Each structure stands twice: as C-alpha cells, then as structure tokens.
Amino acid sequence: MKRSLAFGVIVIAVVGLPGGSALLIAGQSRASQDAIQSSVIRTPELIDSAWKLPVAATFNADVTWQSNGSRCGPASVANTFRSIGEEETTEAEVLAGTGKCWTGFCVIGLTLDELAEVARTNTRRKVSVLRNLSADAFREHMKRANDPGRRYIVNFTRETIFGAGAGHFSPVGGYLEAEDMVFVLDVNEDYKPWLIERERLFSAINTIDSDGDKKRGLLLIE
C-alpha cells in the first residue's frame, strides 16, 4: 500500500465531493495480536528505563492515539509538538492551514515529504527530511535521539517488523545505547510503545514508499 497508510481493509465513501465522486480507501491486512506482542520488545524493566530517557520523559509516559488508521503522521507531529511545548498539540491543529486530510482521513496516507510540510506549517523550528541513510548514519542519529533539543519521527513499514501492515509514522522516544534498542512511541493504540533492535528498525525504514518511489526515513525537528 502507498505512503503511510496502515490499517485493516476498510472502505470509506465520502459524499459531496465535486462531481458527486466518492473516495475509496483500501488498507492492507493488519498484523495479528500475537505478532504485535511477539515481534518487538516489551520487557517491563526495559520499557520503564526507556520512559526515563531524556526525550521520552517529555512525553510524560502518555501518547495520544491516532484518531483513525490514516492519520498516524499528524498524530505523530501532534505528540511531538506537545513534548517540545508547541501550541498545536492535536491532529486538527497541526493540519490547520495545510489543506491536507480535510475529509477527516489522509487519503492513501501522507508521504515523508508531505508530513514535513505539515510540520513546517505550524512551527518555526527546523524540520528536516532524512532518507537514503546508511546503517551507520542511522545509528548516529539514534545516538542523538536522547538530545532534548531534537525530536525524530520515524517512517517505516510494519510488514518488515510484524509480518503484515503498511507504512506508518511514530515518534522516537529515545535510544537505549547499551542494549542497542530504539524506543518507538507508536501512536496506534493496538500497538502502543515498544522497543526494537536498531538494525531491525533500520531494515523497516530502508524500504521504498511506492508513492514517488522514494525511501522511507526520519523526520527531524529541532
């Protein structure tokens, strides 16, 4: 499936569009609950340690879940903005003035570049798209993910990690360097925050988003 769309097979009819058209959204199959629980690391002690990391702590152990399966990108920006004290801390607020997702759904999702546009619309902070990263470059960025002055949003495909699903966005809560694990603050309530080995997360972002044939990557807000 294109872009960041990550939800089960659904059909949405949107009436009142020009010409009386309707929009059809079809998502890929979702990962099973067993896969969700077994594919990543949720050891309570490690999760507790991760929440104490400098950046994760600014989220106050609280993630506002995405309102529907297509809005993981805006939800990730809203949560990230909240953690750095921006005023726009809801999906609606971060989407205001962008012209995107006006139906209530981000039809076929947003690309990494489009999410960067959304973030730039409502912040004066620097927003950078990081893609085509090498494994070494990704490791260096994760080492800096604990810097309170930086926030990363990761764009990855669930299929590589969970065996099913499509592209997805979520904030990075930090990096447990000794364990070489990344803390992903998943904005989907079915998944909730989880830890994963850095190399496995890199494999999931080092993939092609079929819309535009560009690789997935990271959004850096600083």
N, C-alpha and C. Protein backbone atom coordinates (compact mmCIF):
# COMPACT_ATOMS: atom_id res chain seq x y z
N MET A 1 0.84 -1.20 0.00
CA MET A 1 0.00 0.00 0.00
C MET A 1 0.87 1.24 0.00
N LYS A 2 0.44 2.33 -0.62
CA LYS A 2 1.24 3.52 -0.73
C LYS A 2 1.34 4.28 0.57
N ARG A 3 2.35 5.10 0.65
CA ARG A 3 2.53 6.09 1.69
C ARG A 3 2.53 5.50 3.09
N SER A 4 1.85 6.18 4.01
CA SER A 4 1.91 5.76 5.41
C SER A 4 0.63 5.08 5.85
N LEU A 5 -0.19 4.63 4.93
CA LEU A 5 -1.46 4.02 5.28
C LEU A 5 -1.23 2.71 5.99
N ALA A 6 -1.83 2.55 7.17
CA ALA A 6 -1.57 1.35 7.97
C ALA A 6 -2.79 0.96 8.76
N PHE A 7 -3.75 0.34 8.09
CA PHE A 7 -4.92 -0.11 8.81
C PHE A 7 -5.57 -1.25 8.05
N GLY A 8 -6.53 -1.90 8.69
CA GLY A 8 -7.16 -3.05 8.09
C GLY A 8 -7.97 -2.68 6.86
N VAL A 9 -8.50 -3.68 6.19
CA VAL A 9 -9.23 -3.43 4.97
C VAL A 9 -10.55 -2.74 5.30
N ILE A 10 -10.69 -1.50 4.83
CA ILE A 10 -11.91 -0.76 5.07
C ILE A 10 -12.29 -0.01 3.79
N VAL A 11 -13.52 0.39 3.71
CA VAL A 11 -13.98 1.19 2.59
C VAL A 11 -14.64 2.43 3.17
N ILE A 12 -14.26 3.59 2.65
CA ILE A 12 -14.82 4.83 3.15
C ILE A 12 -15.43 5.56 1.97
N ALA A 13 -16.70 5.86 2.02
CA ALA A 13 -17.34 6.65 0.99
C ALA A 13 -17.49 8.07 1.48
N VAL A 14 -16.97 9.01 0.73
CA VAL A 14 -17.06 10.42 1.11
C VAL A 14 -17.97 11.10 0.11
N VAL A 15 -19.13 11.54 0.56
CA VAL A 15 -20.10 12.15 -0.35
C VAL A 15 -19.88 13.65 -0.41
N GLY A 16 -20.45 14.25 -1.42
CA GLY A 16 -20.39 15.70 -1.52
C GLY A 16 -19.13 16.22 -2.17
N LEU A 17 -18.32 15.36 -2.76
CA LEU A 17 -17.15 15.82 -3.46
C LEU A 17 -17.56 16.37 -4.82
N PRO A 18 -16.71 17.22 -5.43
CA PRO A 18 -17.04 17.74 -6.75
C PRO A 18 -17.38 16.61 -7.72
N GLY A 19 -18.47 16.78 -8.46
CA GLY A 19 -18.87 15.76 -9.41
C GLY A 19 -19.58 14.59 -8.77
N GLY A 20 -19.84 14.69 -7.47
CA GLY A 20 -20.53 13.61 -6.78
C GLY A 20 -19.68 12.37 -6.63
N SER A 21 -18.38 12.52 -6.65
CA SER A 21 -17.49 11.37 -6.56
C SER A 21 -17.43 10.84 -5.15
N ALA A 22 -16.97 9.63 -5.02
CA ALA A 22 -16.73 9.03 -3.71
C ALA A 22 -15.29 8.59 -3.65
N LEU A 23 -14.74 8.59 -2.46
CA LEU A 23 -13.37 8.14 -2.27
C LEU A 23 -13.38 6.72 -1.75
N LEU A 24 -12.49 5.93 -2.29
CA LEU A 24 -12.38 4.55 -1.85
C LEU A 24 -11.01 4.35 -1.24
N ILE A 25 -10.97 3.91 -0.02
CA ILE A 25 -9.72 3.66 0.67
C ILE A 25 -9.66 2.20 1.05
N ALA A 26 -8.65 1.53 0.62
CA ALA A 26 -8.49 0.12 0.98
C ALA A 26 -7.14 -0.08 1.61
N GLY A 27 -7.13 -0.56 2.81
CA GLY A 27 -5.87 -0.76 3.51
C GLY A 27 -5.40 -2.19 3.42
N GLN A 28 -4.14 -2.39 3.78
CA GLN A 28 -3.58 -3.73 3.80
C GLN A 28 -4.03 -4.47 5.05
N SER A 29 -3.77 -5.76 5.06
CA SER A 29 -4.12 -6.56 6.22
C SER A 29 -3.31 -6.13 7.43
N ARG A 30 -3.91 -6.25 8.59
CA ARG A 30 -3.25 -5.85 9.83
C ARG A 30 -2.50 -7.02 10.43
N ALA A 31 -1.51 -6.68 11.23
CA ALA A 31 -0.78 -7.72 11.96
C ALA A 31 -1.69 -8.32 13.02
N SER A 32 -1.51 -9.59 13.30
CA SER A 32 -2.29 -10.24 14.34
C SER A 32 -1.84 -9.76 15.71
N GLN A 33 -2.68 -9.95 16.70
CA GLN A 33 -2.30 -9.56 18.06
C GLN A 33 -1.07 -10.35 18.54
N ASP A 34 -0.98 -11.61 18.14
CA ASP A 34 0.20 -12.40 18.51
C ASP A 34 1.46 -11.79 17.92
N ALA A 35 1.37 -11.37 16.65
CA ALA A 35 2.54 -10.76 16.00
C ALA A 35 2.88 -9.43 16.65
N ILE A 36 1.87 -8.65 17.00
CA ILE A 36 2.10 -7.37 17.64
C ILE A 36 2.86 -7.55 18.95
N GLN A 37 2.48 -8.55 19.70
CA GLN A 37 3.11 -8.77 21.01
C GLN A 37 4.48 -9.43 20.93
N SER A 38 4.66 -10.30 19.94
CA SER A 38 5.88 -11.11 19.90
C SER A 38 6.99 -10.55 19.02
N SER A 39 6.67 -9.58 18.17
CA SER A 39 7.65 -9.12 17.19
C SER A 39 8.58 -8.03 17.71
N VAL A 40 8.23 -7.42 18.83
CA VAL A 40 9.04 -6.36 19.40
C VAL A 40 9.25 -6.63 20.89
N ILE A 41 9.98 -5.75 21.54
CA ILE A 41 10.39 -5.98 22.93
C ILE A 41 9.55 -5.11 23.87
N ARG A 42 8.94 -5.76 24.86
CA ARG A 42 8.10 -5.06 25.82
C ARG A 42 8.46 -5.44 27.26
N THR A 43 9.67 -5.90 27.48
CA THR A 43 10.09 -6.24 28.84
C THR A 43 9.84 -5.06 29.77
N PRO A 44 9.06 -5.24 30.83
CA PRO A 44 8.69 -4.10 31.68
C PRO A 44 9.89 -3.29 32.17
N GLU A 45 10.95 -3.95 32.57
CA GLU A 45 12.12 -3.22 33.07
C GLU A 45 12.73 -2.34 32.00
N LEU A 46 12.81 -2.87 30.77
CA LEU A 46 13.39 -2.08 29.68
C LEU A 46 12.46 -0.94 29.27
N ILE A 47 11.16 -1.21 29.24
CA ILE A 47 10.21 -0.15 28.91
C ILE A 47 10.27 0.96 29.95
N ASP A 48 10.37 0.60 31.22
CA ASP A 48 10.48 1.60 32.29
C ASP A 48 11.73 2.44 32.10
N SER A 49 12.83 1.77 31.76
CA SER A 49 14.08 2.50 31.53
C SER A 49 13.95 3.44 30.34
N ALA A 50 13.27 2.97 29.31
CA ALA A 50 13.11 3.79 28.11
C ALA A 50 12.29 5.05 28.40
N TRP A 51 11.25 4.93 29.20
CA TRP A 51 10.43 6.10 29.51
C TRP A 51 11.22 7.14 30.32
N LYS A 52 12.31 6.74 30.92
CA LYS A 52 13.12 7.67 31.71
C LYS A 52 14.19 8.37 30.88
N LEU A 53 14.32 7.99 29.61
CA LEU A 53 15.26 8.67 28.73
C LEU A 53 14.87 10.14 28.59
N PRO A 54 15.84 11.04 28.36
CA PRO A 54 15.55 12.48 28.39
C PRO A 54 14.42 12.93 27.47
N VAL A 55 14.37 12.41 26.25
CA VAL A 55 13.31 12.82 25.33
C VAL A 55 12.00 12.12 25.67
N ALA A 56 12.05 10.83 25.93
CA ALA A 56 10.82 10.10 26.27
C ALA A 56 10.14 10.72 27.48
N ALA A 57 10.92 11.19 28.44
CA ALA A 57 10.35 11.77 29.66
C ALA A 57 9.50 12.99 29.35
N THR A 58 9.79 13.70 28.25
CA THR A 58 9.00 14.90 27.92
C THR A 58 7.60 14.54 27.43
N PHE A 59 7.37 13.29 27.09
CA PHE A 59 6.03 12.84 26.69
C PHE A 59 5.19 12.44 27.90
N ASN A 60 5.81 12.42 29.10
CA ASN A 60 5.10 12.11 30.35
C ASN A 60 4.39 10.76 30.30
N ALA A 61 5.05 9.78 29.68
CA ALA A 61 4.50 8.42 29.59
C ALA A 61 3.09 8.41 29.03
N ASP A 62 2.84 9.33 28.11
CA ASP A 62 1.49 9.47 27.57
C ASP A 62 1.58 9.71 26.06
N VAL A 63 0.84 8.91 25.30
CA VAL A 63 0.75 9.08 23.86
C VAL A 63 -0.73 9.26 23.50
N THR A 64 -1.04 10.29 22.74
CA THR A 64 -2.40 10.48 22.24
C THR A 64 -2.54 9.67 20.96
N TRP A 65 -3.44 8.70 20.97
CA TRP A 65 -3.56 7.77 19.85
C TRP A 65 -4.12 8.46 18.62
N GLN A 66 -3.71 7.98 17.46
CA GLN A 66 -4.22 8.50 16.20
C GLN A 66 -5.73 8.28 16.13
N SER A 67 -6.44 9.23 15.53
CA SER A 67 -7.91 9.17 15.52
C SER A 67 -8.44 8.12 14.55
N ASN A 68 -7.70 7.82 13.50
CA ASN A 68 -8.06 6.73 12.60
C ASN A 68 -6.78 6.23 11.93
N GLY A 69 -6.91 5.12 11.21
CA GLY A 69 -5.73 4.45 10.70
C GLY A 69 -4.92 5.23 9.68
N SER A 70 -5.48 6.29 9.12
CA SER A 70 -4.76 7.05 8.10
C SER A 70 -4.00 8.24 8.67
N ARG A 71 -4.19 8.56 9.95
CA ARG A 71 -3.66 9.82 10.49
C ARG A 71 -2.52 9.62 11.47
N CYS A 72 -1.73 8.59 11.24
CA CYS A 72 -0.57 8.37 12.11
C CYS A 72 0.45 9.50 11.99
N GLY A 73 0.58 10.09 10.79
CA GLY A 73 1.52 11.18 10.60
C GLY A 73 1.16 12.41 11.40
N PRO A 74 -0.06 12.97 11.20
CA PRO A 74 -0.47 14.11 12.01
C PRO A 74 -0.46 13.82 13.52
N ALA A 75 -0.84 12.61 13.92
CA ALA A 75 -0.81 12.26 15.35
C ALA A 75 0.62 12.28 15.87
N SER A 76 1.56 11.81 15.05
CA SER A 76 2.97 11.81 15.47
C SER A 76 3.49 13.23 15.64
N VAL A 77 3.13 14.12 14.72
CA VAL A 77 3.56 15.51 14.84
C VAL A 77 2.91 16.16 16.06
N ALA A 78 1.62 15.89 16.29
CA ALA A 78 0.92 16.48 17.43
C ALA A 78 1.56 16.05 18.75
N ASN A 79 1.85 14.76 18.88
CA ASN A 79 2.50 14.28 20.10
C ASN A 79 3.90 14.89 20.26
N THR A 80 4.62 14.98 19.17
CA THR A 80 5.96 15.55 19.22
C THR A 80 5.91 17.02 19.60
N PHE A 81 4.98 17.77 19.00
CA PHE A 81 4.84 19.18 19.35
C PHE A 81 4.52 19.35 20.83
N ARG A 82 3.64 18.50 21.34
CA ARG A 82 3.31 18.58 22.77
C ARG A 82 4.56 18.42 23.63
N SER A 83 5.44 17.50 23.21
CA SER A 83 6.63 17.21 24.01
C SER A 83 7.64 18.35 24.03
N ILE A 84 7.56 19.25 23.03
CA ILE A 84 8.51 20.37 22.98
C ILE A 84 7.85 21.71 23.26
N GLY A 85 6.60 21.68 23.70
CA GLY A 85 5.94 22.90 24.14
C GLY A 85 5.32 23.75 23.06
N GLU A 86 5.08 23.18 21.87
CA GLU A 86 4.37 23.92 20.84
C GLU A 86 2.89 24.01 21.21
N GLU A 87 2.19 24.98 20.63
CA GLU A 87 0.78 25.17 20.94
C GLU A 87 -0.11 24.17 20.22
N GLU A 88 0.29 23.72 19.04
CA GLU A 88 -0.52 22.82 18.24
C GLU A 88 -0.29 21.39 18.68
N THR A 89 -1.20 20.84 19.45
CA THR A 89 -0.97 19.51 20.04
C THR A 89 -2.09 18.52 19.72
N THR A 90 -2.90 18.83 18.72
CA THR A 90 -3.92 17.88 18.25
C THR A 90 -3.75 17.68 16.76
N GLU A 91 -4.31 16.61 16.25
CA GLU A 91 -4.25 16.37 14.81
C GLU A 91 -4.83 17.55 14.04
N ALA A 92 -6.00 18.02 14.47
CA ALA A 92 -6.66 19.12 13.77
C ALA A 92 -5.79 20.37 13.76
N GLU A 93 -5.13 20.65 14.87
CA GLU A 93 -4.31 21.85 14.96
C GLU A 93 -3.07 21.77 14.07
N VAL A 94 -2.44 20.61 14.01
CA VAL A 94 -1.24 20.52 13.17
C VAL A 94 -1.60 20.48 11.69
N LEU A 95 -2.84 20.08 11.37
CA LEU A 95 -3.28 20.05 9.98
C LEU A 95 -3.85 21.39 9.52
N ALA A 96 -4.15 22.28 10.45
CA ALA A 96 -4.76 23.57 10.10
C ALA A 96 -3.87 24.34 9.13
N GLY A 97 -4.48 24.82 8.06
CA GLY A 97 -3.74 25.62 7.09
C GLY A 97 -2.94 24.83 6.08
N THR A 98 -2.96 23.50 6.18
CA THR A 98 -2.16 22.68 5.26
C THR A 98 -2.95 22.23 4.03
N GLY A 99 -4.28 22.22 4.14
CA GLY A 99 -5.11 21.73 3.06
C GLY A 99 -5.10 20.22 2.93
N LYS A 100 -4.50 19.53 3.88
CA LYS A 100 -4.38 18.07 3.81
C LYS A 100 -5.38 17.41 4.76
N CYS A 101 -5.80 16.22 4.36
CA CYS A 101 -6.65 15.36 5.20
C CYS A 101 -7.96 16.05 5.57
N TRP A 102 -8.48 16.90 4.68
CA TRP A 102 -9.65 17.69 5.00
C TRP A 102 -10.92 16.86 5.14
N THR A 103 -10.92 15.65 4.62
CA THR A 103 -12.10 14.78 4.77
C THR A 103 -12.18 14.15 6.15
N GLY A 104 -11.13 14.31 6.94
CA GLY A 104 -11.02 13.58 8.20
C GLY A 104 -10.11 12.38 8.07
N PHE A 105 -9.79 12.04 6.83
CA PHE A 105 -8.87 10.95 6.54
C PHE A 105 -7.75 11.47 5.63
N CYS A 106 -6.56 10.98 5.85
CA CYS A 106 -5.45 11.29 4.95
C CYS A 106 -5.48 10.23 3.85
N VAL A 107 -6.21 10.53 2.79
CA VAL A 107 -6.48 9.53 1.75
C VAL A 107 -5.16 9.00 1.19
N ILE A 108 -4.99 7.69 1.22
CA ILE A 108 -3.78 6.92 0.91
C ILE A 108 -2.58 7.36 1.74
N GLY A 109 -2.85 8.08 2.83
CA GLY A 109 -1.77 8.42 3.74
C GLY A 109 -0.95 9.60 3.28
N LEU A 110 0.07 9.95 4.06
CA LEU A 110 0.98 11.03 3.73
C LEU A 110 2.37 10.46 3.49
N THR A 111 3.10 11.09 2.59
CA THR A 111 4.50 10.71 2.40
C THR A 111 5.34 11.43 3.46
N LEU A 112 6.60 11.04 3.56
CA LEU A 112 7.52 11.69 4.49
C LEU A 112 7.65 13.17 4.15
N ASP A 113 7.73 13.50 2.86
CA ASP A 113 7.85 14.90 2.46
C ASP A 113 6.58 15.68 2.79
N GLU A 114 5.43 15.06 2.60
CA GLU A 114 4.18 15.73 2.92
C GLU A 114 4.05 15.97 4.42
N LEU A 115 4.48 15.02 5.23
CA LEU A 115 4.41 15.22 6.67
C LEU A 115 5.37 16.34 7.10
N ALA A 116 6.50 16.45 6.44
CA ALA A 116 7.41 17.56 6.72
C ALA A 116 6.73 18.90 6.44
N GLU A 117 5.96 18.97 5.35
CA GLU A 117 5.22 20.19 5.03
C GLU A 117 4.21 20.50 6.12
N VAL A 118 3.52 19.47 6.61
CA VAL A 118 2.55 19.66 7.69
C VAL A 118 3.25 20.22 8.92
N ALA A 119 4.37 19.64 9.29
CA ALA A 119 5.09 20.09 10.48
C ALA A 119 5.58 21.53 10.32
N ARG A 120 6.09 21.87 9.16
CA ARG A 120 6.64 23.22 8.94
C ARG A 120 5.57 24.30 8.98
N THR A 121 4.33 23.94 8.64
CA THR A 121 3.26 24.93 8.59
C THR A 121 2.99 25.55 9.94
N ASN A 122 3.18 24.78 11.00
CA ASN A 122 2.78 25.25 12.33
C ASN A 122 3.92 25.26 13.35
N THR A 123 5.14 25.42 12.88
CA THR A 123 6.26 25.59 13.81
C THR A 123 7.33 26.44 13.15
N ARG A 124 8.09 27.14 13.96
CA ARG A 124 9.25 27.88 13.46
C ARG A 124 10.52 27.07 13.59
N ARG A 125 10.40 25.90 14.15
CA ARG A 125 11.57 25.04 14.30
C ARG A 125 12.01 24.49 12.95
N LYS A 126 13.25 24.09 12.90
CA LYS A 126 13.78 23.49 11.67
C LYS A 126 13.25 22.08 11.53
N VAL A 127 12.71 21.75 10.35
CA VAL A 127 12.19 20.42 10.07
C VAL A 127 12.96 19.86 8.88
N SER A 128 13.61 18.71 9.07
CA SER A 128 14.44 18.11 8.03
C SER A 128 13.96 16.71 7.71
N VAL A 129 13.99 16.37 6.42
CA VAL A 129 13.72 15.02 5.96
C VAL A 129 15.04 14.29 5.81
N LEU A 130 15.16 13.13 6.45
CA LEU A 130 16.38 12.34 6.39
C LEU A 130 16.04 10.99 5.76
N ARG A 131 16.52 10.78 4.55
CA ARG A 131 16.29 9.50 3.88
C ARG A 131 17.56 9.06 3.19
N ASN A 132 17.52 7.86 2.62
CA ASN A 132 18.70 7.26 1.99
C ASN A 132 19.87 7.18 2.98
N LEU A 133 19.52 6.91 4.24
CA LEU A 133 20.52 6.81 5.29
C LEU A 133 21.24 5.47 5.20
N SER A 134 22.53 5.49 5.48
CA SER A 134 23.26 4.23 5.65
C SER A 134 22.97 3.71 7.06
N ALA A 135 23.32 2.46 7.30
CA ALA A 135 23.13 1.89 8.64
C ALA A 135 23.94 2.66 9.67
N ASP A 136 25.14 3.08 9.29
CA ASP A 136 25.98 3.85 10.22
C ASP A 136 25.38 5.22 10.51
N ALA A 137 24.86 5.88 9.47
CA ALA A 137 24.25 7.19 9.67
C ALA A 137 23.01 7.08 10.55
N PHE A 138 22.22 6.03 10.34
CA PHE A 138 21.04 5.83 11.17
C PHE A 138 21.45 5.62 12.63
N ARG A 139 22.50 4.85 12.87
CA ARG A 139 22.97 4.65 14.23
C ARG A 139 23.37 5.97 14.88
N GLU A 140 24.06 6.83 14.13
CA GLU A 140 24.47 8.11 14.68
C GLU A 140 23.27 8.99 15.03
N HIS A 141 22.25 8.95 14.19
CA HIS A 141 21.05 9.72 14.52
C HIS A 141 20.36 9.16 15.76
N MET A 142 20.32 7.85 15.90
CA MET A 142 19.69 7.27 17.09
C MET A 142 20.48 7.62 18.35
N LYS A 143 21.78 7.73 18.23
CA LYS A 143 22.58 8.15 19.39
C LYS A 143 22.22 9.56 19.82
N ARG A 144 21.72 10.36 18.88
CA ARG A 144 21.34 11.74 19.20
C ARG A 144 19.85 11.86 19.53
N ALA A 145 19.15 10.74 19.51
CA ALA A 145 17.71 10.76 19.78
C ALA A 145 17.39 11.04 21.24
N ASN A 146 18.41 11.03 22.10
CA ASN A 146 18.20 11.36 23.51
C ASN A 146 18.49 12.83 23.80
N ASP A 147 18.81 13.60 22.78
CA ASP A 147 19.09 15.03 22.93
C ASP A 147 17.76 15.77 23.08
N PRO A 148 17.51 16.43 24.21
CA PRO A 148 16.21 17.10 24.43
C PRO A 148 15.91 18.18 23.40
N GLY A 149 16.90 18.65 22.68
CA GLY A 149 16.68 19.67 21.67
C GLY A 149 16.30 19.12 20.31
N ARG A 150 16.22 17.80 20.20
CA ARG A 150 15.90 17.16 18.93
C ARG A 150 14.73 16.20 19.10
N ARG A 151 13.92 16.09 18.06
CA ARG A 151 12.85 15.10 18.04
C ARG A 151 12.87 14.40 16.67
N TYR A 152 12.75 13.09 16.71
CA TYR A 152 12.69 12.31 15.48
C TYR A 152 11.32 11.65 15.36
N ILE A 153 10.80 11.63 14.14
CA ILE A 153 9.63 10.84 13.80
C ILE A 153 10.10 9.84 12.75
N VAL A 154 9.82 8.56 12.98
CA VAL A 154 10.29 7.52 12.08
C VAL A 154 9.16 7.07 11.16
N ASN A 155 9.51 6.91 9.88
CA ASN A 155 8.59 6.39 8.87
C ASN A 155 9.10 5.02 8.45
N PHE A 156 8.32 3.99 8.72
CA PHE A 156 8.77 2.62 8.47
C PHE A 156 7.61 1.79 7.95
N THR A 157 7.90 0.60 7.46
CA THR A 157 6.84 -0.32 7.07
C THR A 157 6.65 -1.37 8.15
N ARG A 158 5.40 -1.58 8.55
CA ARG A 158 5.12 -2.58 9.58
C ARG A 158 5.42 -3.99 9.09
N GLU A 159 5.28 -4.22 7.79
CA GLU A 159 5.43 -5.58 7.28
C GLU A 159 6.78 -6.17 7.63
N THR A 160 7.84 -5.36 7.57
CA THR A 160 9.19 -5.86 7.87
C THR A 160 9.31 -6.31 9.31
N ILE A 161 8.60 -5.65 10.21
CA ILE A 161 8.72 -5.94 11.65
C ILE A 161 7.67 -6.95 12.11
N PHE A 162 6.42 -6.73 11.69
CA PHE A 162 5.31 -7.51 12.22
C PHE A 162 4.76 -8.57 11.25
N GLY A 163 5.27 -8.58 10.03
CA GLY A 163 4.83 -9.57 9.06
C GLY A 163 3.59 -9.18 8.28
N ALA A 164 2.99 -8.04 8.62
CA ALA A 164 1.81 -7.55 7.92
C ALA A 164 1.68 -6.06 8.20
N GLY A 165 0.89 -5.39 7.38
CA GLY A 165 0.71 -3.96 7.55
C GLY A 165 1.47 -3.17 6.51
N ALA A 166 1.32 -1.86 6.56
CA ALA A 166 1.92 -0.99 5.56
C ALA A 166 2.76 0.09 6.24
N GLY A 167 2.93 1.21 5.55
CA GLY A 167 3.76 2.28 6.09
C GLY A 167 3.13 2.93 7.31
N HIS A 168 3.97 3.48 8.17
CA HIS A 168 3.49 4.04 9.43
C HIS A 168 4.47 5.10 9.91
N PHE A 169 3.93 6.06 10.68
CA PHE A 169 4.74 7.08 11.35
C PHE A 169 4.57 6.96 12.86
N SER A 170 5.63 7.21 13.61
CA SER A 170 5.55 7.33 15.06
C SER A 170 6.76 8.09 15.57
N PRO A 171 6.63 8.80 16.69
CA PRO A 171 7.79 9.48 17.27
C PRO A 171 8.79 8.48 17.85
N VAL A 172 10.05 8.88 17.86
CA VAL A 172 11.09 8.12 18.53
C VAL A 172 11.25 8.68 19.93
N GLY A 173 11.11 7.82 20.93
CA GLY A 173 11.23 8.26 22.31
C GLY A 173 12.66 8.31 22.80
N GLY A 174 13.55 7.60 22.13
CA GLY A 174 14.96 7.61 22.55
C GLY A 174 15.65 6.31 22.18
N TYR A 175 16.87 6.19 22.67
CA TYR A 175 17.75 5.09 22.29
C TYR A 175 18.45 4.54 23.52
N LEU A 176 18.26 3.25 23.78
CA LEU A 176 18.99 2.56 24.84
C LEU A 176 20.29 2.06 24.22
N GLU A 177 21.34 2.84 24.37
CA GLU A 177 22.58 2.55 23.64
C GLU A 177 23.21 1.24 24.08
N ALA A 178 23.22 0.95 25.36
CA ALA A 178 23.85 -0.29 25.84
C ALA A 178 23.18 -1.51 25.25
N GLU A 179 21.86 -1.44 25.08
CA GLU A 179 21.10 -2.56 24.52
C GLU A 179 20.95 -2.45 23.00
N ASP A 180 21.35 -1.32 22.44
CA ASP A 180 21.22 -1.04 21.01
C ASP A 180 19.75 -1.18 20.57
N MET A 181 18.85 -0.55 21.35
CA MET A 181 17.42 -0.61 21.07
C MET A 181 16.83 0.79 20.95
N VAL A 182 15.89 0.93 20.02
CA VAL A 182 15.19 2.19 19.81
C VAL A 182 13.81 2.10 20.44
N PHE A 183 13.40 3.17 21.10
CA PHE A 183 12.09 3.25 21.74
C PHE A 183 11.13 3.97 20.79
N VAL A 184 10.16 3.25 20.27
CA VAL A 184 9.20 3.80 19.31
C VAL A 184 7.88 4.06 20.04
N LEU A 185 7.45 5.31 20.04
CA LEU A 185 6.19 5.68 20.71
C LEU A 185 5.05 5.54 19.71
N ASP A 186 4.66 4.31 19.49
CA ASP A 186 3.67 4.01 18.47
C ASP A 186 2.35 4.72 18.78
N VAL A 187 1.84 5.48 17.80
CA VAL A 187 0.62 6.24 18.02
C VAL A 187 -0.64 5.42 17.75
N ASN A 188 -0.48 4.17 17.35
CA ASN A 188 -1.61 3.27 17.16
C ASN A 188 -1.88 2.55 18.47
N GLU A 189 -3.09 2.69 18.98
CA GLU A 189 -3.42 2.12 20.30
C GLU A 189 -3.30 0.61 20.33
N ASP A 190 -3.47 -0.06 19.18
CA ASP A 190 -3.34 -1.52 19.15
C ASP A 190 -1.90 -1.96 19.41
N TYR A 191 -0.95 -1.12 19.08
CA TYR A 191 0.46 -1.49 19.20
C TYR A 191 1.09 -0.94 20.48
N LYS A 192 0.79 0.33 20.78
CA LYS A 192 1.36 1.01 21.95
C LYS A 192 2.89 1.06 21.84
N PRO A 193 3.58 1.85 22.68
CA PRO A 193 5.04 1.99 22.56
C PRO A 193 5.78 0.66 22.73
N TRP A 194 6.88 0.53 21.99
CA TRP A 194 7.66 -0.70 22.01
C TRP A 194 9.14 -0.41 21.74
N LEU A 195 9.97 -1.36 22.10
CA LEU A 195 11.40 -1.30 21.83
C LEU A 195 11.75 -2.28 20.72
N ILE A 196 12.78 -1.93 19.96
CA ILE A 196 13.22 -2.81 18.88
C ILE A 196 14.71 -2.63 18.65
N GLU A 197 15.36 -3.69 18.23
CA GLU A 197 16.78 -3.60 17.91
C GLU A 197 16.97 -2.60 16.78
N ARG A 198 18.00 -1.77 16.92
CA ARG A 198 18.23 -0.71 15.94
C ARG A 198 18.33 -1.24 14.51
N GLU A 199 19.01 -2.36 14.32
CA GLU A 199 19.18 -2.90 12.97
C GLU A 199 17.85 -3.31 12.35
N ARG A 200 16.93 -3.85 13.18
CA ARG A 200 15.62 -4.25 12.66
C ARG A 200 14.79 -3.03 12.27
N LEU A 201 14.87 -1.97 13.06
CA LEU A 201 14.12 -0.76 12.70
C LEU A 201 14.71 -0.15 11.42
N PHE A 202 16.02 -0.16 11.32
CA PHE A 202 16.65 0.36 10.10
C PHE A 202 16.16 -0.42 8.87
N SER A 203 16.04 -1.73 8.99
CA SER A 203 15.55 -2.53 7.87
C SER A 203 14.15 -2.11 7.46
N ALA A 204 13.34 -1.69 8.43
CA ALA A 204 11.96 -1.30 8.15
C ALA A 204 11.85 0.09 7.53
N ILE A 205 12.85 0.95 7.76
CA ILE A 205 12.83 2.27 7.12
C ILE A 205 13.61 2.27 5.81
N ASN A 206 14.49 1.32 5.66
CA ASN A 206 15.31 1.24 4.44
C ASN A 206 14.52 0.53 3.34
N THR A 207 13.31 1.01 3.11
CA THR A 207 12.36 0.41 2.17
C THR A 207 11.77 1.52 1.31
N ILE A 208 11.20 1.13 0.19
CA ILE A 208 10.66 2.10 -0.75
C ILE A 208 9.18 2.36 -0.47
N ASP A 209 8.83 3.64 -0.36
CA ASP A 209 7.43 4.06 -0.34
C ASP A 209 7.00 4.14 -1.80
N SER A 210 6.06 3.32 -2.19
CA SER A 210 5.72 3.20 -3.61
C SER A 210 5.18 4.49 -4.21
N ASP A 211 4.71 5.42 -3.38
CA ASP A 211 4.25 6.69 -3.90
C ASP A 211 5.44 7.62 -4.07
N GLY A 212 5.91 7.75 -5.29
CA GLY A 212 7.08 8.58 -5.56
C GLY A 212 8.36 7.80 -5.62
N ASP A 213 8.29 6.50 -5.28
CA ASP A 213 9.46 5.64 -5.35
C ASP A 213 10.65 6.19 -4.57
N LYS A 214 10.37 6.76 -3.40
CA LYS A 214 11.44 7.25 -2.53
C LYS A 214 11.49 6.37 -1.29
N LYS A 215 12.66 6.33 -0.69
CA LYS A 215 12.80 5.56 0.54
C LYS A 215 12.13 6.26 1.70
N ARG A 216 11.73 5.45 2.67
CA ARG A 216 11.24 5.99 3.93
C ARG A 216 12.45 6.52 4.71
N GLY A 217 12.21 7.06 5.89
CA GLY A 217 13.32 7.62 6.64
C GLY A 217 12.87 8.26 7.93
N LEU A 218 13.48 9.39 8.26
CA LEU A 218 13.24 10.08 9.52
C LEU A 218 12.85 11.53 9.24
N LEU A 219 12.03 12.06 10.14
CA LEU A 219 11.75 13.49 10.18
C LEU A 219 12.45 14.01 11.43
N LEU A 220 13.26 15.02 11.27
CA LEU A 220 13.98 15.62 12.41
C LEU A 220 13.43 17.01 12.65
N ILE A 221 13.00 17.26 13.88
CA ILE A 221 12.51 18.56 14.30
C ILE A 221 13.44 19.07 15.38
N GLU A 222 14.00 20.25 15.19
CA GLU A 222 14.95 20.79 16.16
C GLU A 222 14.87 22.31 16.24
